[in-house]
PDB file of all heavy atoms in Angstrom:
ATOM      1  N   GLY A   1      20.630 -35.156 -90.725  1.00  0.00           N
ATOM      2  CA  GLY A   1      20.931 -36.393 -91.315  1.00  0.00           C
ATOM      3  C   GLY A   1      21.989 -36.212 -92.298  1.00  0.00           C
ATOM      4  O   GLY A   1      23.205 -36.506 -91.919  1.00  0.00           O
ATOM      5  N   ILE A   2      21.793 -35.690 -93.457  1.00  0.00           N
ATOM      6  CA  ILE A   2      22.786 -35.196 -94.353  1.00  0.00           C
ATOM      7  C   ILE A   2      23.476 -33.959 -93.789  1.00  0.00           C
ATOM      8  O   ILE A   2      24.684 -33.774 -93.843  1.00  0.00           O
ATOM      9  CB  ILE A   2      22.223 -35.022 -95.795  1.00  0.00           C
ATOM     10  CG1 ILE A   2      21.572 -36.311 -96.308  1.00  0.00           C
ATOM     11  CG2 ILE A   2      23.380 -34.414 -96.683  1.00  0.00           C
ATOM     12  CD1 ILE A   2      20.911 -36.160 -97.605  1.00  0.00           C
ATOM     13  N   MET A   3      22.560 -33.032 -93.318  1.00  0.00           N
ATOM     14  CA  MET A   3      23.029 -31.867 -92.779  1.00  0.00           C
ATOM     15  C   MET A   3      23.560 -31.989 -91.384  1.00  0.00           C
ATOM     16  O   MET A   3      23.100 -32.610 -90.538  1.00  0.00           O
ATOM     17  CB  MET A   3      21.877 -30.864 -92.721  1.00  0.00           C
ATOM     18  CG  MET A   3      22.268 -29.395 -92.217  1.00  0.00           C
ATOM     19  SD  MET A   3      23.156 -28.576 -93.585  1.00  0.00           S
ATOM     20  CE  MET A   3      24.755 -28.405 -92.852  1.00  0.00           C
ATOM     21  N   ARG A   4      24.829 -31.367 -91.207  1.00  0.00           N
ATOM     22  CA  ARG A   4      25.532 -31.567 -89.965  1.00  0.00           C
ATOM     23  C   ARG A   4      25.145 -30.490 -88.929  1.00  0.00           C
ATOM     24  O   ARG A   4      25.185 -29.241 -89.403  1.00  0.00           O
ATOM     25  CB  ARG A   4      27.038 -31.606 -90.119  1.00  0.00           C
ATOM     26  CG  ARG A   4      27.515 -32.932 -90.730  1.00  0.00           C
ATOM     27  CD  ARG A   4      28.922 -32.780 -91.332  1.00  0.00           C
ATOM     28  NE  ARG A   4      29.700 -31.826 -90.510  1.00  0.00           N
ATOM     29  CZ  ARG A   4      30.800 -31.235 -90.970  1.00  0.00           C
ATOM     30  NH1 ARG A   4      31.218 -31.444 -92.305  1.00  0.00           N
ATOM     31  NH2 ARG A   4      31.584 -30.440 -90.240  1.00  0.00           N
ATOM     32  N   CYS A   5      24.894 -30.738 -87.767  1.00  0.00           N
ATOM     33  CA  CYS A   5      24.457 -29.730 -86.793  1.00  0.00           C
ATOM     34  C   CYS A   5      25.592 -28.714 -86.487  1.00  0.00           C
ATOM     35  O   CYS A   5      25.206 -27.564 -86.125  1.00  0.00           O
ATOM     36  CB  CYS A   5      23.993 -30.468 -85.519  1.00  0.00           C
ATOM     37  SG  CYS A   5      22.459 -31.411 -85.629  1.00  0.00           S
ATOM     38  N   ASP A   6      26.830 -29.141 -86.501  1.00  0.00           N
ATOM     39  CA  ASP A   6      27.865 -28.183 -86.186  1.00  0.00           C
ATOM     40  C   ASP A   6      27.934 -27.187 -87.302  1.00  0.00           C
ATOM     41  O   ASP A   6      28.363 -25.942 -87.145  1.00  0.00           O
ATOM     42  CB  ASP A   6      29.198 -28.905 -86.050  1.00  0.00           C
ATOM     43  CG  ASP A   6      29.559 -29.825 -87.278  1.00  0.00           C
ATOM     44  OD1 ASP A   6      28.747 -30.446 -87.821  1.00  0.00           O
ATOM     45  OD2 ASP A   6      30.725 -29.830 -87.639  1.00  0.00           O
ATOM     46  N   VAL A   7      27.761 -27.480 -88.614  1.00  0.00           N
ATOM     47  CA  VAL A   7      27.707 -26.501 -89.722  1.00  0.00           C
ATOM     48  C   VAL A   7      26.688 -25.496 -89.383  1.00  0.00           C
ATOM     49  O   VAL A   7      26.975 -24.234 -89.630  1.00  0.00           O
ATOM     50  CB  VAL A   7      27.553 -27.207 -91.039  1.00  0.00           C
ATOM     51  CG1 VAL A   7      27.400 -26.209 -92.225  1.00  0.00           C
ATOM     52  CG2 VAL A   7      28.702 -28.149 -91.367  1.00  0.00           C
ATOM     53  N   ILE A   8      25.422 -25.949 -89.084  1.00  0.00           N
ATOM     54  CA  ILE A   8      24.350 -24.973 -88.738  1.00  0.00           C
ATOM     55  C   ILE A   8      24.717 -24.054 -87.613  1.00  0.00           C
ATOM     56  O   ILE A   8      24.477 -22.840 -87.694  1.00  0.00           O
ATOM     57  CB  ILE A   8      23.112 -25.692 -88.400  1.00  0.00           C
ATOM     58  CG1 ILE A   8      22.563 -26.485 -89.642  1.00  0.00           C
ATOM     59  CG2 ILE A   8      21.970 -24.823 -87.882  1.00  0.00           C
ATOM     60  CD1 ILE A   8      21.917 -25.629 -90.724  1.00  0.00           C
ATOM     61  N   ALA A   9      25.359 -24.612 -86.587  1.00  0.00           N
ATOM     62  CA  ALA A   9      25.753 -23.883 -85.407  1.00  0.00           C
ATOM     63  C   ALA A   9      26.669 -22.808 -85.845  1.00  0.00           C
ATOM     64  O   ALA A   9      26.747 -21.660 -85.356  1.00  0.00           O
ATOM     65  CB  ALA A   9      26.220 -24.773 -84.299  1.00  0.00           C
ATOM     66  N   GLU A  10      27.670 -23.171 -86.553  1.00  0.00           N
ATOM     67  CA  GLU A  10      28.764 -22.261 -87.043  1.00  0.00           C
ATOM     68  C   GLU A  10      28.137 -21.090 -87.772  1.00  0.00           C
ATOM     69  O   GLU A  10      28.581 -19.963 -87.671  1.00  0.00           O
ATOM     70  CB  GLU A  10      29.862 -22.947 -87.783  1.00  0.00           C
ATOM     71  CG  GLU A  10      30.689 -23.901 -87.055  1.00  0.00           C
ATOM     72  CD  GLU A  10      31.639 -24.719 -87.900  1.00  0.00           C
ATOM     73  OE1 GLU A  10      31.527 -24.591 -89.103  1.00  0.00           O
ATOM     74  OE2 GLU A  10      32.587 -25.446 -87.316  1.00  0.00           O
ATOM     75  N   GLY A  11      27.212 -21.427 -88.684  1.00  0.00           N
ATOM     76  CA  GLY A  11      26.680 -20.469 -89.545  1.00  0.00           C
ATOM     77  C   GLY A  11      25.787 -19.480 -88.726  1.00  0.00           C
ATOM     78  O   GLY A  11      25.766 -18.289 -88.974  1.00  0.00           O
ATOM     79  N   VAL A  12      25.024 -19.907 -87.827  1.00  0.00           N
ATOM     80  CA  VAL A  12      24.161 -19.143 -86.899  1.00  0.00           C
ATOM     81  C   VAL A  12      25.001 -18.186 -86.170  1.00  0.00           C
ATOM     82  O   VAL A  12      24.773 -16.921 -86.024  1.00  0.00           O
ATOM     83  CB  VAL A  12      23.310 -19.859 -85.980  1.00  0.00           C
ATOM     84  CG1 VAL A  12      22.615 -19.142 -84.866  1.00  0.00           C
ATOM     85  CG2 VAL A  12      22.246 -20.658 -86.797  1.00  0.00           C
ATOM     86  N   VAL A  13      26.158 -18.615 -85.457  1.00  0.00           N
ATOM     87  CA  VAL A  13      27.071 -17.916 -84.727  1.00  0.00           C
ATOM     88  C   VAL A  13      27.742 -16.730 -85.598  1.00  0.00           C
ATOM     89  O   VAL A  13      27.741 -15.596 -85.100  1.00  0.00           O
ATOM     90  CB  VAL A  13      28.118 -18.748 -83.992  1.00  0.00           C
ATOM     91  CG1 VAL A  13      29.222 -17.911 -83.385  1.00  0.00           C
ATOM     92  CG2 VAL A  13      27.503 -19.606 -82.979  1.00  0.00           C
ATOM     93  N   ALA A  14      28.157 -17.104 -86.761  1.00  0.00           N
ATOM     94  CA  ALA A  14      28.803 -16.151 -87.583  1.00  0.00           C
ATOM     95  C   ALA A  14      27.849 -15.136 -88.023  1.00  0.00           C
ATOM     96  O   ALA A  14      28.171 -13.961 -88.065  1.00  0.00           O
ATOM     97  CB  ALA A  14      29.342 -16.856 -88.880  1.00  0.00           C
ATOM     98  N   ALA A  15      26.659 -15.438 -88.367  1.00  0.00           N
ATOM     99  CA  ALA A  15      25.559 -14.490 -88.788  1.00  0.00           C
ATOM    100  C   ALA A  15      25.224 -13.517 -87.557  1.00  0.00           C
ATOM    101  O   ALA A  15      25.154 -12.334 -87.844  1.00  0.00           O
ATOM    102  CB  ALA A  15      24.329 -15.180 -89.236  1.00  0.00           C
ATOM    103  N   VAL A  16      25.017 -14.030 -86.444  1.00  0.00           N
ATOM    104  CA  VAL A  16      24.686 -13.279 -85.208  1.00  0.00           C
ATOM    105  C   VAL A  16      25.828 -12.246 -85.033  1.00  0.00           C
ATOM    106  O   VAL A  16      25.566 -11.032 -84.697  1.00  0.00           O
ATOM    107  CB  VAL A  16      24.451 -14.100 -84.063  1.00  0.00           C
ATOM    108  CG1 VAL A  16      24.311 -13.216 -82.765  1.00  0.00           C
ATOM    109  CG2 VAL A  16      23.188 -14.898 -84.226  1.00  0.00           C
ATOM    110  N   LYS A  17      27.107 -12.606 -85.063  1.00  0.00           N
ATOM    111  CA  LYS A  17      28.217 -11.784 -84.801  1.00  0.00           C
ATOM    112  C   LYS A  17      28.306 -10.628 -85.817  1.00  0.00           C
ATOM    113  O   LYS A  17      28.763  -9.538 -85.527  1.00  0.00           O
ATOM    114  CB  LYS A  17      29.498 -12.526 -84.807  1.00  0.00           C
ATOM    115  CG  LYS A  17      29.705 -13.399 -83.626  1.00  0.00           C
ATOM    116  CD  LYS A  17      31.003 -14.244 -83.505  1.00  0.00           C
ATOM    117  CE  LYS A  17      31.190 -15.072 -82.337  1.00  0.00           C
ATOM    118  NZ  LYS A  17      32.416 -15.847 -82.280  1.00  0.00           N
ATOM    119  N   GLU A  18      27.814 -11.022 -87.105  1.00  0.00           N
ATOM    120  CA  GLU A  18      27.857 -10.042 -88.216  1.00  0.00           C
ATOM    121  C   GLU A  18      26.678  -9.017 -88.228  1.00  0.00           C
ATOM    122  O   GLU A  18      26.925  -7.864 -88.245  1.00  0.00           O
ATOM    123  CB  GLU A  18      27.910 -10.712 -89.548  1.00  0.00           C
ATOM    124  CG  GLU A  18      28.036  -9.807 -90.768  1.00  0.00           C
ATOM    125  CD  GLU A  18      28.192 -10.579 -92.037  1.00  0.00           C
ATOM    126  OE1 GLU A  18      28.623 -11.799 -91.990  1.00  0.00           O
ATOM    127  OE2 GLU A  18      27.975  -9.922 -93.095  1.00  0.00           O
ATOM    128  N   VAL A  19      25.527  -9.437 -87.877  1.00  0.00           N
ATOM    129  CA  VAL A  19      24.283  -8.557 -87.956  1.00  0.00           C
ATOM    130  C   VAL A  19      23.747  -8.236 -86.646  1.00  0.00           C
ATOM    131  O   VAL A  19      22.902  -7.393 -86.396  1.00  0.00           O
ATOM    132  CB  VAL A  19      23.229  -9.205 -88.898  1.00  0.00           C
ATOM    133  CG1 VAL A  19      23.757  -9.475 -90.292  1.00  0.00           C
ATOM    134  CG2 VAL A  19      22.720 -10.489 -88.256  1.00  0.00           C
ATOM    135  N   GLY A  20      24.138  -9.009 -85.611  1.00  0.00           N
ATOM    136  CA  GLY A  20      23.726  -8.770 -84.258  1.00  0.00           C
ATOM    137  C   GLY A  20      22.356  -9.488 -84.097  1.00  0.00           C
ATOM    138  O   GLY A  20      21.779 -10.124 -84.942  1.00  0.00           O
ATOM    139  N   LEU A  21      21.932  -9.626 -82.788  1.00  0.00           N
ATOM    140  CA  LEU A  21      20.758 -10.355 -82.425  1.00  0.00           C
ATOM    141  C   LEU A  21      19.862  -9.527 -81.638  1.00  0.00           C
ATOM    142  O   LEU A  21      20.146  -9.135 -80.423  1.00  0.00           O
ATOM    143  CB  LEU A  21      21.066 -11.659 -81.653  1.00  0.00           C
ATOM    144  CG  LEU A  21      19.869 -12.578 -81.357  1.00  0.00           C
ATOM    145  CD1 LEU A  21      19.234 -13.033 -82.560  1.00  0.00           C
ATOM    146  CD2 LEU A  21      20.325 -13.698 -80.457  1.00  0.00           C
ATOM    147  N   LYS A  22      18.709  -9.020 -82.194  1.00  0.00           N
ATOM    148  CA  LYS A  22      17.819  -8.093 -81.531  1.00  0.00           C
ATOM    149  C   LYS A  22      16.481  -8.670 -81.106  1.00  0.00           C
ATOM    150  O   LYS A  22      15.653  -8.070 -80.569  1.00  0.00           O
ATOM    151  CB  LYS A  22      17.607  -6.897 -82.458  1.00  0.00           C
ATOM    152  CG  LYS A  22      18.881  -6.135 -82.803  1.00  0.00           C
ATOM    153  CD  LYS A  22      18.507  -4.983 -83.726  1.00  0.00           C
ATOM    154  CE  LYS A  22      19.831  -4.254 -84.163  1.00  0.00           C
ATOM    155  NZ  LYS A  22      19.546  -3.184 -85.084  1.00  0.00           N
ATOM    156  N   VAL A  23      16.310  -9.986 -81.494  1.00  0.00           N
ATOM    157  CA  VAL A  23      15.023 -10.665 -81.132  1.00  0.00           C
ATOM    158  C   VAL A  23      15.359 -12.055 -80.528  1.00  0.00           C
ATOM    159  O   VAL A  23      16.444 -12.474 -80.556  1.00  0.00           O
ATOM    160  CB  VAL A  23      14.218 -11.001 -82.447  1.00  0.00           C
ATOM    161  CG1 VAL A  23      13.874  -9.609 -83.075  1.00  0.00           C
ATOM    162  CG2 VAL A  23      15.070 -11.815 -83.550  1.00  0.00           C
ATOM    163  N   PRO A  24      14.438 -12.684 -79.757  1.00  0.00           N
ATOM    164  CA  PRO A  24      14.698 -13.944 -79.162  1.00  0.00           C
ATOM    165  C   PRO A  24      14.953 -15.038 -80.254  1.00  0.00           C
ATOM    166  O   PRO A  24      14.555 -15.073 -81.340  1.00  0.00           O
ATOM    167  CB  PRO A  24      13.316 -14.371 -78.478  1.00  0.00           C
ATOM    168  CG  PRO A  24      12.644 -12.942 -78.370  1.00  0.00           C
ATOM    169  CD  PRO A  24      13.112 -12.195 -79.505  1.00  0.00           C
ATOM    170  N   LEU A  25      15.928 -15.902 -79.885  1.00  0.00           N
ATOM    171  CA  LEU A  25      16.414 -17.032 -80.754  1.00  0.00           C
ATOM    172  C   LEU A  25      16.311 -18.326 -80.001  1.00  0.00           C
ATOM    173  O   LEU A  25      16.972 -18.430 -79.085  1.00  0.00           O
ATOM    174  CB  LEU A  25      17.862 -16.696 -81.184  1.00  0.00           C
ATOM    175  CG  LEU A  25      18.503 -17.880 -81.985  1.00  0.00           C
ATOM    176  CD1 LEU A  25      17.753 -18.225 -83.359  1.00  0.00           C
ATOM    177  CD2 LEU A  25      19.964 -17.539 -82.308  1.00  0.00           C
ATOM    178  N   VAL A  26      15.554 -19.243 -80.559  1.00  0.00           N
ATOM    179  CA  VAL A  26      15.396 -20.609 -80.003  1.00  0.00           C
ATOM    180  C   VAL A  26      15.974 -21.580 -81.054  1.00  0.00           C
ATOM    181  O   VAL A  26      15.748 -21.454 -82.263  1.00  0.00           O
ATOM    182  CB  VAL A  26      13.909 -20.965 -79.831  1.00  0.00           C
ATOM    183  CG1 VAL A  26      13.788 -22.411 -79.411  1.00  0.00           C
ATOM    184  CG2 VAL A  26      13.319 -20.070 -78.732  1.00  0.00           C
ATOM    185  N   VAL A  27      16.840 -22.487 -80.488  1.00  0.00           N
ATOM    186  CA  VAL A  27      17.672 -23.402 -81.379  1.00  0.00           C
ATOM    187  C   VAL A  27      17.239 -24.780 -80.911  1.00  0.00           C
ATOM    188  O   VAL A  27      17.575 -25.193 -79.756  1.00  0.00           O
ATOM    189  CB  VAL A  27      19.051 -23.117 -81.448  1.00  0.00           C
ATOM    190  CG1 VAL A  27      19.775 -24.143 -82.242  1.00  0.00           C
ATOM    191  CG2 VAL A  27      19.423 -21.791 -81.910  1.00  0.00           C
ATOM    192  N   ARG A  28      16.879 -25.506 -81.861  1.00  0.00           N
ATOM    193  CA  ARG A  28      16.591 -27.003 -81.617  1.00  0.00           C
ATOM    194  C   ARG A  28      17.519 -27.785 -82.653  1.00  0.00           C
ATOM    195  O   ARG A  28      17.380 -27.742 -83.832  1.00  0.00           O
ATOM    196  CB  ARG A  28      15.216 -27.377 -81.792  1.00  0.00           C
ATOM    197  CG  ARG A  28      14.898 -28.994 -81.469  1.00  0.00           C
ATOM    198  CD  ARG A  28      14.648 -29.666 -82.821  1.00  0.00           C
ATOM    199  NE  ARG A  28      14.480 -31.048 -82.594  1.00  0.00           N
ATOM    200  CZ  ARG A  28      13.871 -31.899 -83.484  1.00  0.00           C
ATOM    201  NH1 ARG A  28      13.541 -31.403 -84.677  1.00  0.00           N
ATOM    202  NH2 ARG A  28      13.712 -33.255 -83.151  1.00  0.00           N
ATOM    203  N   LEU A  29      18.516 -28.559 -82.047  1.00  0.00           N
ATOM    204  CA  LEU A  29      19.429 -29.367 -82.963  1.00  0.00           C
ATOM    205  C   LEU A  29      19.270 -30.835 -82.496  1.00  0.00           C
ATOM    206  O   LEU A  29      19.160 -31.187 -81.355  1.00  0.00           O
ATOM    207  CB  LEU A  29      20.796 -28.935 -82.677  1.00  0.00           C
ATOM    208  CG  LEU A  29      21.242 -27.458 -83.052  1.00  0.00           C
ATOM    209  CD1 LEU A  29      22.636 -27.229 -82.695  1.00  0.00           C
ATOM    210  CD2 LEU A  29      21.020 -27.205 -84.572  1.00  0.00           C
ATOM    211  N   GLU A  30      19.259 -31.657 -83.576  1.00  0.00           N
ATOM    212  CA  GLU A  30      19.200 -33.081 -83.359  1.00  0.00           C
ATOM    213  C   GLU A  30      19.718 -33.821 -84.496  1.00  0.00           C
ATOM    214  O   GLU A  30      19.638 -33.418 -85.702  1.00  0.00           O
ATOM    215  CB  GLU A  30      17.773 -33.648 -83.152  1.00  0.00           C
ATOM    216  CG  GLU A  30      17.597 -35.021 -82.600  1.00  0.00           C
ATOM    217  CD  GLU A  30      18.207 -35.036 -81.180  1.00  0.00           C
ATOM    218  OE1 GLU A  30      17.651 -34.479 -80.298  1.00  0.00           O
ATOM    219  OE2 GLU A  30      19.345 -35.760 -81.101  1.00  0.00           O
ATOM    220  N   GLY A  31      20.469 -34.896 -84.303  1.00  0.00           N
ATOM    221  CA  GLY A  31      21.021 -35.650 -85.376  1.00  0.00           C
ATOM    222  C   GLY A  31      22.615 -35.723 -85.456  1.00  0.00           C
ATOM    223  O   GLY A  31      23.273 -35.596 -84.462  1.00  0.00           O
TER     224      GLY A  31
END
């Protein structure tokens, strides 16, 4: 609503690239 989905997506991508992803990740975006 106030929070934009693209900002969340950019943050998740940046974090995964920095620390790696070793467990399953499910993403649900709406709004």
